[in-house]
Amino acid sequence: MPVTDAHIHVQPWWELRAEVLEVMTRGRTDVPELQSIMKSPERLLRRLDQDGIARAVLVNYPSPDLMGFTARVNEYVAEYCKAAPDRLVPMGGVHGQDGGHGRVPRRRGLARDHRGPARPGKGPLSRGEEERRDQREHHEPRLARARRPPRVAVLSSPPPCR
């Protein structure tokens, strides 16, 4: 049965903020390989073949304030995946404060609809405060894990729908 890795970050590391890149690469011995993969779909395909992975979903997201990635990451991943569209699936993202271009509507004063008021009894968060909090909640665990050796998460999936 073909194996699909449904969550791989292949991103333009040259856009990362310096302090984020330092945390992500600290103590790793595979940085040259990762940097090569970020620039070469062929290198990623060779690695997928070595690991027995048929397809991969390449996850990207704009995060200019925390990570340094702008909306250009979506163009990057779309172009990258053109090298093997049958094996590489691009997944882009939208930043909540991108000036209205693809903006995701949010309800002010709520962290997330299912969690209730962001600060009960203290009034709503400003949009900037809410976005920074959401970014921290999303990225802090990932930055803490960045120092661990890489692990390949593999999921089985049905053939792609056509």
Protein backbone atom coordinates (compact mmCIF):
# COMPACT_ATOMS: atom_id res chain seq x y z
CA MET A 1 0.00 0.00 0.00
CA PRO A 2 1.45 3.44 -0.89
CA VAL A 3 2.46 5.58 2.06
CA THR A 4 1.79 9.33 2.27
CA ASP A 5 3.48 11.62 4.77
CA ALA A 6 0.73 14.15 5.40
CA HIS A 7 2.78 16.85 7.14
CA ILE A 8 6.23 17.89 5.94
CA HIS A 9 7.57 21.43 6.30
CA VAL A 10 9.58 22.31 3.22
CA GLN A 11 10.02 26.05 3.48
CA PRO A 12 12.28 28.84 2.25
CA TRP A 13 14.64 28.82 5.22
CA TRP A 14 16.48 31.81 3.78
CA GLU A 15 13.43 33.88 4.84
CA LEU A 16 13.51 32.70 8.48
CA ARG A 17 14.30 35.21 11.17
CA ALA A 18 17.85 34.62 12.39
CA GLU A 19 16.85 33.70 15.95
CA VAL A 20 14.27 31.17 14.70
CA LEU A 21 16.78 29.55 12.35
CA GLU A 22 19.27 29.30 15.21
CA VAL A 23 16.74 27.48 17.43
CA MET A 24 15.63 25.17 14.62
CA THR A 25 19.17 24.14 13.71
CA ARG A 26 20.80 24.07 17.15
CA GLY A 27 22.43 20.70 17.81
CA ARG A 28 21.25 19.11 14.55
CA THR A 29 23.65 17.18 12.37
CA ASP A 30 21.37 17.07 9.31
CA VAL A 31 21.20 20.81 8.56
CA PRO A 32 23.09 20.58 5.24
CA GLU A 33 20.69 17.87 4.03
CA LEU A 34 17.66 19.91 5.14
CA GLN A 35 18.97 23.06 3.44
CA SER A 36 19.51 21.03 0.27
CA ILE A 37 15.94 19.71 0.43
CA MET A 38 14.56 23.24 0.85
CA LYS A 39 16.16 24.20 -2.47
CA SER A 40 15.75 20.98 -4.46
CA PRO A 41 12.56 18.98 -5.01
CA GLU A 42 14.73 16.26 -6.55
CA ARG A 43 16.64 15.92 -3.27
CA LEU A 44 13.37 15.59 -1.34
CA LEU A 45 12.13 12.96 -3.78
CA ARG A 46 15.34 10.95 -3.28
CA ARG A 47 14.83 11.14 0.50
CA LEU A 48 11.20 10.07 0.18
CA ASP A 49 12.31 7.10 -1.93
CA GLN A 50 14.93 6.16 0.69
CA ASP A 51 12.24 6.25 3.38
CA GLY A 52 9.65 4.33 1.33
CA ILE A 53 7.23 7.26 1.07
CA ALA A 54 5.17 7.55 -2.11
CA ARG A 55 3.70 11.03 -1.61
CA ALA A 56 4.08 13.98 0.74
CA VAL A 57 1.96 16.97 1.69
CA LEU A 58 4.19 20.04 2.02
CA VAL A 59 2.73 22.33 4.68
CA ASN A 60 3.48 26.05 4.61
CA TYR A 61 2.05 29.12 6.28
CA PRO A 62 2.79 32.85 6.29
CA SER A 63 4.12 34.00 9.65
CA PRO A 64 5.99 37.26 9.03
CA ASP A 65 6.02 38.42 12.65
CA LEU A 66 7.13 35.18 14.33
CA MET A 67 8.93 33.04 11.74
CA GLY A 68 9.69 35.54 8.97
CA PHE A 69 7.70 33.83 6.22
CA THR A 70 5.53 36.13 4.11
CA ALA A 71 2.67 35.13 1.80
CA ARG A 72 5.39 34.24 -0.74
CA VAL A 73 5.72 30.83 0.98
CA ASN A 74 2.53 29.78 -0.81
CA GLU A 75 4.08 30.59 -4.19
CA TYR A 76 7.28 28.84 -3.13
CA VAL A 77 5.55 25.56 -2.20
CA ALA A 78 3.33 25.63 -5.31
CA GLU A 79 6.37 26.06 -7.56
CA TYR A 80 8.39 23.47 -5.61
CA CYS A 81 5.65 20.84 -6.02
CA LYS A 82 5.50 21.31 -9.80
CA ALA A 83 8.60 19.10 -9.98
CA ALA A 84 6.45 16.03 -9.16
CA PRO A 85 2.75 16.89 -8.89
CA ASP A 86 1.84 13.21 -8.58
CA ARG A 87 4.01 12.89 -5.45
CA LEU A 88 4.25 16.35 -3.89
CA VAL A 89 1.06 18.04 -2.68
CA PRO A 90 1.30 21.77 -1.80
CA MET A 91 -0.60 23.11 1.20
CA GLY A 92 -0.50 26.85 1.75
CA GLY A 93 -1.83 29.07 4.47
CA VAL A 94 -3.24 32.52 5.14
CA HIS A 95 -1.93 34.95 7.75
CA GLY A 96 -4.65 36.62 9.80
CA GLN A 97 -3.18 40.09 9.31
CA ASP A 98 -2.17 40.13 5.68
CA GLY A 99 -3.81 43.43 4.79
CA GLY A 100 -7.04 41.88 3.57
CA HIS A 101 -5.54 39.65 0.85
CA GLY A 102 -7.03 36.29 1.71
CA ARG A 103 -7.74 37.38 5.26
CA VAL A 104 -9.47 34.85 7.48
CA PRO A 105 -12.43 36.45 9.28
CA ARG A 106 -12.10 36.35 13.06
CA ARG A 107 -14.49 37.25 15.80
CA ARG A 108 -12.88 39.94 17.92
CA GLY A 109 -12.51 39.15 21.59
CA LEU A 110 -12.61 35.40 21.13
CA ALA A 111 -9.48 33.30 21.06
CA ARG A 112 -11.30 30.58 19.16
CA ASP A 113 -15.04 30.08 19.01
CA HIS A 114 -14.88 26.84 21.03
CA ARG A 115 -12.78 28.31 23.83
CA GLY A 116 -14.95 31.25 24.82
CA PRO A 117 -13.78 34.77 25.71
CA ALA A 118 -10.05 35.31 25.49
CA ARG A 119 -9.87 37.15 28.82
CA PRO A 120 -13.04 36.64 30.86
CA GLY A 121 -13.80 39.76 32.89
CA LYS A 122 -10.95 41.75 31.32
CA GLY A 123 -12.46 42.70 27.97
CA PRO A 124 -11.49 41.56 24.51
CA LEU A 125 -7.95 41.31 23.25
CA SER A 126 -6.95 43.68 20.52
CA ARG A 127 -6.55 42.01 17.13
CA GLY A 128 -2.74 42.28 17.43
CA GLU A 129 -2.72 40.78 20.93
CA GLU A 130 -4.96 37.95 19.81
CA GLU A 131 -2.82 37.19 16.75
CA ARG A 132 0.43 37.19 18.77
CA ARG A 133 -1.10 34.89 21.39
CA ASP A 134 -2.39 32.50 18.71
CA GLN A 135 1.03 32.49 16.99
CA ARG A 136 2.79 31.74 20.31
CA GLU A 137 0.37 28.92 21.12
CA HIS A 138 0.90 27.46 17.65
CA HIS A 139 4.69 27.78 17.40
CA GLU A 140 6.19 27.53 20.90
CA PRO A 141 5.72 23.75 21.17
CA ARG A 142 7.17 23.33 17.67
CA LEU A 143 10.21 25.48 18.46
CA ALA A 144 10.80 23.44 21.62
CA ARG A 145 10.67 20.24 19.57
CA ALA A 146 12.99 21.64 16.88
CA ARG A 147 16.01 20.52 18.87
CA ARG A 148 14.93 16.87 18.76
CA PRO A 149 16.23 14.56 16.03
CA PRO A 150 13.94 14.41 13.00
CA ARG A 151 11.19 11.84 12.94
CA VAL A 152 9.18 10.81 9.92
CA ALA A 153 5.44 10.58 10.56
CA VAL A 154 3.92 8.19 8.05
CA LEU A 155 0.24 7.73 7.34
CA SER A 156 -1.38 5.31 4.94
CA SER A 157 -3.89 6.84 2.57
CA PRO A 158 -6.07 5.81 -0.34
CA PRO A 159 -4.99 6.66 -3.88
CA PRO A 160 -5.54 10.32 -4.84
CA CYS A 161 -8.97 11.31 -6.12
CA ARG A 162 -9.00 12.42 -9.72
